[in-house]
């Protein structure tokens, strides 16, 4: 009986995870349009990222490289905020699945 219950829980959780993955591939029905100001800001961010990628980082000090990484992380967060999407990390998904298993 325990084996049957564990098998059903496993099938249920795998079924949920497959549904989430396929839902993530679909386009949003009402995509958020960016305003001209947001497009300009996004263009500035992408230009700065390309500029950083083109830089010769071999002659930078440790502090300068650290500052560049911090700047890139901040720009990534700004770009995500502009797009308006909701992002879940793999760890968060695993925790949610574990909580569902414990609750059920």
N, C-alpha and C. Protein backbone atom coordinates (compact mmCIF):
# COMPACT_ATOMS: atom_id res chain seq x y z
N UNK A 1 0.83 -1.19 0.00
CA UNK A 1 0.00 0.00 0.00
C UNK A 1 0.88 1.26 0.00
N UNK A 2 1.97 1.23 0.80
CA UNK A 2 2.86 2.39 0.84
C UNK A 2 3.49 2.62 -0.53
N UNK A 3 3.84 1.53 -1.19
CA UNK A 3 4.46 1.65 -2.50
C UNK A 3 3.52 2.32 -3.49
N UNK A 4 2.26 1.97 -3.41
CA UNK A 4 1.27 2.55 -4.30
C UNK A 4 1.11 4.05 -4.04
N UNK A 5 1.06 4.42 -2.77
CA UNK A 5 0.91 5.84 -2.41
C UNK A 5 2.13 6.63 -2.88
N UNK A 6 3.33 6.12 -2.64
CA UNK A 6 4.54 6.82 -3.07
C UNK A 6 4.61 6.92 -4.59
N UNK A 7 4.18 5.89 -5.28
CA UNK A 7 4.18 5.92 -6.74
C UNK A 7 3.19 6.97 -7.25
N UNK A 8 2.03 7.03 -6.64
CA UNK A 8 1.05 8.03 -7.06
C UNK A 8 1.55 9.46 -6.79
N UNK A 9 2.21 9.66 -5.66
CA UNK A 9 2.76 10.99 -5.35
C UNK A 9 3.83 11.36 -6.37
N UNK A 10 4.68 10.39 -6.72
CA UNK A 10 5.73 10.65 -7.70
C UNK A 10 5.13 11.00 -9.05
N UNK A 11 4.15 10.26 -9.50
CA UNK A 11 3.50 10.54 -10.79
C UNK A 11 2.82 11.91 -10.74
N UNK A 12 2.19 12.23 -9.64
CA UNK A 12 1.51 13.52 -9.49
C UNK A 12 2.51 14.68 -9.57
N UNK A 13 3.61 14.58 -8.86
CA UNK A 13 4.59 15.67 -8.87
C UNK A 13 5.28 15.79 -10.23
N UNK A 14 5.56 14.68 -10.87
CA UNK A 14 6.15 14.76 -12.20
C UNK A 14 5.16 15.35 -13.20
N UNK A 15 3.91 15.02 -13.04
CA UNK A 15 2.89 15.60 -13.90
C UNK A 15 2.78 17.10 -13.74
N UNK A 16 2.91 17.58 -12.52
CA UNK A 16 2.87 19.02 -12.28
C UNK A 16 4.08 19.71 -12.89
N UNK A 17 5.26 19.11 -12.73
CA UNK A 17 6.46 19.76 -13.25
C UNK A 17 6.46 19.80 -14.77
N UNK A 18 5.94 18.79 -15.44
CA UNK A 18 5.86 18.80 -16.89
C UNK A 18 4.89 19.89 -17.35
N UNK A 19 3.79 20.06 -16.66
CA UNK A 19 2.83 21.10 -17.00
C UNK A 19 3.43 22.48 -16.85
N UNK A 20 4.24 22.69 -15.83
CA UNK A 20 4.87 23.98 -15.62
C UNK A 20 5.88 24.29 -16.71
N UNK A 21 6.61 23.31 -17.13
CA UNK A 21 7.62 23.53 -18.16
C UNK A 21 6.96 23.87 -19.49
N UNK A 22 5.92 23.18 -19.85
CA UNK A 22 5.26 23.47 -21.12
C UNK A 22 4.56 24.82 -21.06
N UNK A 23 4.06 25.21 -19.91
CA UNK A 23 3.40 26.51 -19.79
C UNK A 23 4.40 27.65 -19.90
N UNK A 24 5.63 27.41 -19.52
CA UNK A 24 6.63 28.47 -19.58
C UNK A 24 7.03 28.79 -21.02
N UNK A 25 6.85 27.87 -21.95
CA UNK A 25 7.24 28.09 -23.33
C UNK A 25 6.23 28.92 -24.11
N UNK A 26 5.01 28.98 -23.65
CA UNK A 26 3.96 29.69 -24.38
C UNK A 26 4.11 31.20 -24.22
N UNK A 27 3.72 31.90 -25.26
CA UNK A 27 3.76 33.36 -25.20
C UNK A 27 2.61 33.87 -24.34
N UNK A 28 2.82 35.00 -23.71
CA UNK A 28 1.78 35.61 -22.90
C UNK A 28 0.67 36.13 -23.82
N UNK A 29 -0.57 36.03 -23.35
CA UNK A 29 -1.68 36.50 -24.16
C UNK A 29 -1.66 38.01 -24.30
N UNK A 30 -1.32 38.69 -23.22
CA UNK A 30 -1.25 40.15 -23.23
C UNK A 30 0.18 40.58 -22.90
N UNK A 31 1.08 40.54 -23.87
CA UNK A 31 2.45 40.94 -23.56
C UNK A 31 2.50 42.42 -23.21
N UNK A 32 3.33 42.75 -22.28
CA UNK A 32 3.44 44.15 -21.87
C UNK A 32 4.29 44.89 -22.89
N UNK A 33 3.74 45.93 -23.43
CA UNK A 33 4.46 46.76 -24.38
C UNK A 33 5.32 47.76 -23.63
N UNK A 34 6.52 47.95 -24.10
CA UNK A 34 7.42 48.92 -23.48
C UNK A 34 7.14 50.30 -24.06
N UNK A 35 7.20 51.29 -23.20
CA UNK A 35 7.04 52.66 -23.66
C UNK A 35 8.35 53.09 -24.33
N UNK A 36 8.30 54.23 -24.98
CA UNK A 36 9.50 54.73 -25.67
C UNK A 36 10.62 55.00 -24.66
N UNK A 37 10.24 55.49 -23.49
CA UNK A 37 11.24 55.76 -22.45
C UNK A 37 11.89 54.46 -21.96
N UNK A 38 11.06 53.43 -21.78
CA UNK A 38 11.59 52.14 -21.34
C UNK A 38 12.47 51.51 -22.41
N UNK A 39 12.08 51.64 -23.68
CA UNK A 39 12.90 51.11 -24.77
C UNK A 39 14.25 51.81 -24.81
N UNK A 40 14.26 53.12 -24.59
CA UNK A 40 15.51 53.87 -24.60
C UNK A 40 16.40 53.41 -23.44
N UNK A 41 15.82 53.21 -22.27
CA UNK A 41 16.58 52.75 -21.11
C UNK A 41 17.13 51.34 -21.36
N UNK A 42 16.32 50.49 -21.95
CA UNK A 42 16.76 49.13 -22.26
C UNK A 42 17.89 49.15 -23.29
N UNK A 43 17.79 50.03 -24.26
CA UNK A 43 18.85 50.18 -25.27
C UNK A 43 20.15 50.63 -24.62
N UNK A 44 20.05 51.58 -23.66
CA UNK A 44 21.26 52.03 -22.96
C UNK A 44 21.88 50.89 -22.17
N UNK A 45 21.04 50.07 -21.53
CA UNK A 45 21.56 48.93 -20.77
C UNK A 45 22.26 47.93 -21.68
N UNK A 46 21.64 47.61 -22.81
CA UNK A 46 22.26 46.63 -23.70
C UNK A 46 23.55 47.18 -24.32
N UNK A 47 23.58 48.47 -24.62
CA UNK A 47 24.81 49.08 -25.13
C UNK A 47 25.93 48.99 -24.10
N UNK A 48 25.60 49.25 -22.85
CA UNK A 48 26.61 49.19 -21.79
C UNK A 48 27.11 47.76 -21.60
N UNK A 49 26.21 46.78 -21.68
CA UNK A 49 26.62 45.39 -21.55
C UNK A 49 27.57 45.00 -22.68
N UNK A 50 27.25 45.42 -23.90
CA UNK A 50 28.12 45.12 -25.04
C UNK A 50 29.48 45.81 -24.87
N UNK A 51 29.46 47.02 -24.33
CA UNK A 51 30.71 47.74 -24.08
C UNK A 51 31.57 47.00 -23.06
N UNK A 52 30.94 46.49 -22.02
CA UNK A 52 31.68 45.74 -20.99
C UNK A 52 32.22 44.44 -21.57
N UNK A 53 31.43 43.78 -22.41
CA UNK A 53 31.90 42.53 -23.03
C UNK A 53 33.10 42.76 -23.93
N UNK A 54 33.13 43.92 -24.60
CA UNK A 54 34.22 44.22 -25.53
C UNK A 54 35.48 44.67 -24.81
N UNK A 55 35.38 44.99 -23.53
CA UNK A 55 36.54 45.48 -22.78
C UNK A 55 37.60 44.40 -22.61
N UNK A 56 38.86 44.85 -22.50
CA UNK A 56 39.95 43.94 -22.17
C UNK A 56 40.05 43.93 -20.64
N UNK A 57 39.58 42.84 -20.04
CA UNK A 57 39.51 42.78 -18.58
C UNK A 57 40.78 42.23 -17.95
N UNK A 58 41.75 41.85 -18.76
CA UNK A 58 42.97 41.25 -18.20
C UNK A 58 43.83 42.27 -17.44
N UNK A 59 43.72 43.54 -17.78
CA UNK A 59 44.54 44.53 -17.10
C UNK A 59 43.79 45.27 -15.98
N UNK A 60 42.59 44.81 -15.64
CA UNK A 60 41.82 45.43 -14.56
C UNK A 60 42.22 44.84 -13.21
N UNK A 61 42.10 45.65 -12.19
CA UNK A 61 42.39 45.16 -10.85
C UNK A 61 41.20 44.34 -10.34
N UNK A 62 41.41 43.69 -9.21
CA UNK A 62 40.36 42.85 -8.64
C UNK A 62 39.13 43.67 -8.27
N UNK A 63 39.36 44.86 -7.73
CA UNK A 63 38.25 45.72 -7.32
C UNK A 63 37.45 46.20 -8.53
N UNK A 64 38.16 46.50 -9.63
CA UNK A 64 37.47 46.96 -10.83
C UNK A 64 36.61 45.86 -11.45
N UNK A 65 37.15 44.62 -11.47
CA UNK A 65 36.37 43.49 -11.98
C UNK A 65 35.14 43.24 -11.11
N UNK A 66 35.34 43.38 -9.79
CA UNK A 66 34.22 43.19 -8.86
C UNK A 66 33.15 44.26 -9.10
N UNK A 67 33.58 45.49 -9.34
CA UNK A 67 32.63 46.58 -9.61
C UNK A 67 31.88 46.32 -10.92
N UNK A 68 32.58 45.80 -11.93
CA UNK A 68 31.91 45.48 -13.20
C UNK A 68 30.87 44.38 -13.02
N UNK A 69 31.21 43.34 -12.24
CA UNK A 69 30.24 42.27 -11.98
C UNK A 69 29.02 42.82 -11.27
N UNK A 70 29.25 43.69 -10.29
CA UNK A 70 28.13 44.28 -9.54
C UNK A 70 27.25 45.13 -10.46
N UNK A 71 27.91 45.90 -11.34
CA UNK A 71 27.16 46.73 -12.28
C UNK A 71 26.33 45.85 -13.23
N UNK A 72 26.90 44.74 -13.71
CA UNK A 72 26.17 43.85 -14.60
C UNK A 72 24.97 43.22 -13.90
N UNK A 73 25.14 42.84 -12.64
CA UNK A 73 24.03 42.26 -11.89
C UNK A 73 22.91 43.28 -11.72
N UNK A 74 23.26 44.53 -11.42
CA UNK A 74 22.25 45.57 -11.26
C UNK A 74 21.51 45.82 -12.58
N UNK A 75 22.26 45.83 -13.69
CA UNK A 75 21.62 46.04 -14.99
C UNK A 75 20.70 44.87 -15.33
N UNK A 76 21.10 43.65 -14.97
CA UNK A 76 20.25 42.49 -15.22
C UNK A 76 18.95 42.60 -14.43
N UNK A 77 19.05 43.03 -13.17
CA UNK A 77 17.84 43.20 -12.36
C UNK A 77 16.94 44.29 -12.93
N UNK A 78 17.53 45.37 -13.43
CA UNK A 78 16.73 46.44 -14.03
C UNK A 78 16.02 45.95 -15.28
N UNK A 79 16.71 45.17 -16.10
CA UNK A 79 16.10 44.66 -17.34
C UNK A 79 14.96 43.71 -17.01
N UNK A 80 15.14 42.87 -16.00
CA UNK A 80 14.06 41.96 -15.60
C UNK A 80 12.86 42.74 -15.07
N UNK A 81 13.12 43.79 -14.31
CA UNK A 81 12.02 44.59 -13.77
C UNK A 81 11.25 45.28 -14.89
N UNK A 82 11.94 45.70 -15.93
CA UNK A 82 11.26 46.36 -17.05
C UNK A 82 10.40 45.40 -17.84
N UNK A 83 10.85 44.16 -17.96
CA UNK A 83 10.08 43.20 -18.75
C UNK A 83 8.82 42.76 -18.03
N UNK A 84 8.79 42.88 -16.71
CA UNK A 84 7.59 42.58 -15.96
C UNK A 84 7.32 41.11 -15.76
N UNK A 85 8.29 40.26 -16.02
CA UNK A 85 8.09 38.82 -15.88
C UNK A 85 8.31 38.36 -14.45
N UNK A 86 7.79 37.19 -14.15
CA UNK A 86 7.99 36.58 -12.84
C UNK A 86 8.93 35.40 -13.04
N UNK A 87 10.02 35.38 -12.31
CA UNK A 87 11.02 34.34 -12.46
C UNK A 87 11.13 33.54 -11.17
N UNK A 88 11.15 32.22 -11.30
CA UNK A 88 11.35 31.33 -10.17
C UNK A 88 12.65 30.58 -10.38
N UNK A 89 13.44 30.52 -9.35
CA UNK A 89 14.68 29.77 -9.45
C UNK A 89 14.39 28.28 -9.29
N UNK A 90 15.37 27.47 -9.64
CA UNK A 90 15.21 26.02 -9.52
C UNK A 90 15.03 25.64 -8.06
N UNK A 91 15.77 26.29 -7.18
CA UNK A 91 15.65 26.01 -5.75
C UNK A 91 14.25 26.31 -5.23
N UNK A 92 13.67 27.40 -5.69
CA UNK A 92 12.31 27.74 -5.26
C UNK A 92 11.30 26.72 -5.75
N UNK A 93 11.49 26.24 -6.96
CA UNK A 93 10.57 25.22 -7.50
C UNK A 93 10.69 23.93 -6.71
N UNK A 94 11.92 23.54 -6.36
CA UNK A 94 12.13 22.32 -5.58
C UNK A 94 11.48 22.44 -4.21
N UNK A 95 11.62 23.60 -3.57
CA UNK A 95 11.02 23.82 -2.25
C UNK A 95 9.49 23.75 -2.35
N UNK A 96 8.92 24.32 -3.39
CA UNK A 96 7.47 24.29 -3.58
C UNK A 96 7.00 22.85 -3.76
N UNK A 97 7.72 22.07 -4.54
CA UNK A 97 7.35 20.67 -4.75
C UNK A 97 7.45 19.89 -3.44
N UNK A 98 8.50 20.12 -2.69
CA UNK A 98 8.65 19.43 -1.40
C UNK A 98 7.53 19.80 -0.44
N UNK A 99 7.16 21.06 -0.40
CA UNK A 99 6.05 21.48 0.45
C UNK A 99 4.75 20.82 0.03
N UNK A 100 4.53 20.73 -1.28
CA UNK A 100 3.32 20.05 -1.75
C UNK A 100 3.31 18.58 -1.36
N UNK A 101 4.47 17.95 -1.43
CA UNK A 101 4.54 16.54 -1.04
C UNK A 101 4.24 16.39 0.45
N UNK A 102 4.79 17.28 1.27
CA UNK A 102 4.56 17.19 2.70
C UNK A 102 3.10 17.47 3.07
N UNK A 103 2.50 18.41 2.37
CA UNK A 103 1.11 18.76 2.66
C UNK A 103 0.17 17.64 2.23
N UNK A 104 0.44 17.08 1.08
CA UNK A 104 -0.44 16.02 0.58
C UNK A 104 -0.03 14.73 1.22
